[in-house]
Amino acid sequence: MSEAAQLDPEDRKIITLARSVRARNSVPEGAAVRDETGRTYAAGTVALDSLKLSALQTAVAMAVASGATSLEAAAVVTAAESASEEDRAAVRDLGGAGTPVLLAGPDGTLRATLDA
């Protein structure tokens, strides 16, 4: 059975949220995270003159600002081949090194599951 076929429904949900943000906002990446209580936070890339954050960094920041103390999972929808070290570090800071980072293509197909 493929990795995508084994995907938990809650993990599918955060990939769908990430994909939706990417499409709705016409940004290079969309991301979503799920905190320790099951709440989700979705965000797109932030590219202002004075502030540049990846979608995953923005989603982690939203979770922290909302009082999350840990993460269960993270997802990023991107054309890139992998999640950057900076993105994985943001997830690791809140969720720990074993937090899964689901990497999906623009069509929402899971390409890899990385450790934060």
Protein backbone atom coordinates (compact mmCIF):
# COMPACT_ATOMS: atom_id res chain seq x y z
CA MET A 1 0.00 0.00 0.00
CA SER A 2 1.37 3.43 -0.91
CA GLU A 3 2.27 6.06 1.67
CA ALA A 4 -0.57 8.29 0.40
CA ALA A 5 -3.12 5.47 0.73
CA GLN A 6 -2.09 4.98 4.38
CA LEU A 7 -2.47 8.67 5.19
CA ASP A 8 -4.51 9.43 8.29
CA PRO A 9 -7.68 11.49 7.60
CA GLU A 10 -6.39 14.26 9.90
CA ASP A 11 -3.16 14.41 7.88
CA ARG A 12 -5.15 14.55 4.64
CA LYS A 13 -7.05 17.47 6.16
CA ILE A 14 -3.95 19.58 6.77
CA ILE A 15 -2.67 18.86 3.25
CA THR A 16 -6.05 19.99 1.88
CA LEU A 17 -5.95 23.15 4.01
CA ALA A 18 -2.42 23.93 2.84
CA ARG A 19 -3.36 23.37 -0.79
CA SER A 20 -6.42 25.60 -0.43
CA VAL A 21 -4.40 28.49 1.03
CA ARG A 22 -1.82 28.21 -1.74
CA ALA A 23 -4.50 28.33 -4.44
CA ARG A 24 -6.68 31.00 -2.81
CA ASN A 25 -3.80 33.40 -2.14
CA SER A 26 -1.80 32.61 -5.31
CA VAL A 27 1.37 32.10 -3.29
CA PRO A 28 4.30 29.72 -3.93
CA GLU A 29 3.56 27.60 -0.84
CA GLY A 30 0.69 26.78 1.45
CA ALA A 31 1.11 25.12 4.83
CA ALA A 32 -0.93 23.90 7.75
CA VAL A 33 -0.08 22.56 11.19
CA ARG A 34 -2.10 20.64 13.77
CA ASP A 35 -1.48 21.36 17.43
CA GLU A 36 -1.65 19.10 20.48
CA THR A 37 -5.42 19.68 20.85
CA GLY A 38 -6.23 19.02 17.19
CA ARG A 39 -6.65 22.67 16.22
CA THR A 40 -5.33 23.55 12.77
CA TYR A 41 -3.61 26.67 11.46
CA ALA A 42 -3.18 27.31 7.74
CA ALA A 43 -1.06 29.97 6.08
CA GLY A 44 0.60 30.99 2.87
CA THR A 45 3.96 32.50 2.06
CA VAL A 46 4.45 36.05 3.42
CA ALA A 47 6.52 38.25 1.11
CA LEU A 48 6.49 41.86 2.29
CA ASP A 49 9.34 44.31 1.90
CA SER A 50 9.90 44.21 5.66
CA LEU A 51 8.87 40.61 6.43
CA LYS A 52 9.57 37.36 4.62
CA LEU A 53 8.25 34.07 6.02
CA SER A 54 7.66 30.74 4.39
CA ALA A 55 4.17 29.31 4.60
CA LEU A 56 5.28 26.75 7.19
CA GLN A 57 7.00 29.37 9.36
CA THR A 58 3.82 31.47 9.21
CA ALA A 59 1.59 28.52 10.18
CA VAL A 60 3.87 27.68 13.14
CA ALA A 61 3.85 31.34 14.21
CA MET A 62 0.04 31.38 14.06
CA ALA A 63 -0.11 28.28 16.26
CA VAL A 64 2.28 29.79 18.81
CA ALA A 65 0.39 33.11 18.81
CA SER A 66 -2.83 31.18 19.48
CA GLY A 67 -1.37 29.39 22.51
CA ALA A 68 -0.31 26.04 21.06
CA THR A 69 2.35 24.31 23.13
CA SER A 70 3.15 21.45 20.74
CA LEU A 71 2.48 20.17 17.22
CA GLU A 72 1.22 16.78 16.10
CA ALA A 73 1.96 17.28 12.39
CA ALA A 74 2.74 19.82 9.70
CA ALA A 75 2.11 19.91 5.97
CA VAL A 76 3.50 22.04 3.17
CA VAL A 77 2.23 22.15 -0.40
CA THR A 78 4.97 23.32 -2.73
CA ALA A 79 6.66 22.76 -6.06
CA ALA A 80 9.99 22.52 -4.17
CA GLU A 81 11.64 19.13 -3.81
CA SER A 82 11.91 19.31 -0.01
CA ALA A 83 11.11 21.42 3.02
CA SER A 84 13.91 23.81 3.92
CA GLU A 85 15.99 23.37 7.05
CA GLU A 86 14.52 26.64 8.36
CA ASP A 87 10.98 25.31 7.92
CA ARG A 88 11.80 22.02 9.60
CA ALA A 89 13.51 23.91 12.44
CA ALA A 90 10.35 25.97 13.08
CA VAL A 91 8.29 22.77 13.32
CA ARG A 92 10.97 21.15 15.51
CA ASP A 93 11.03 24.15 17.87
CA LEU A 94 7.35 23.68 18.71
CA GLY A 95 6.71 20.02 18.00
CA GLY A 96 10.00 18.27 18.57
CA ALA A 97 12.36 16.42 16.25
CA GLY A 98 9.95 13.56 15.53
CA THR A 99 7.08 15.75 14.31
CA PRO A 100 6.14 14.62 10.80
CA VAL A 101 6.34 17.21 8.01
CA LEU A 102 4.16 16.09 5.11
CA LEU A 103 5.52 17.35 1.79
CA ALA A 104 2.93 17.49 -0.97
CA GLY A 105 3.04 18.70 -4.54
CA PRO A 106 0.80 21.47 -5.89
CA ASP A 107 -1.84 18.84 -6.78
CA GLY A 108 -1.97 17.74 -3.12
CA THR A 109 -0.22 14.41 -3.72
CA LEU A 110 1.96 13.40 -0.80
CA ARG A 111 5.57 13.12 -2.00
CA ALA A 112 7.40 12.54 1.27
CA THR A 113 7.09 12.50 5.03
CA LEU A 114 10.07 14.13 6.70
CA ASP A 115 11.08 14.39 10.34
CA ALA A 116 11.18 17.94 11.64
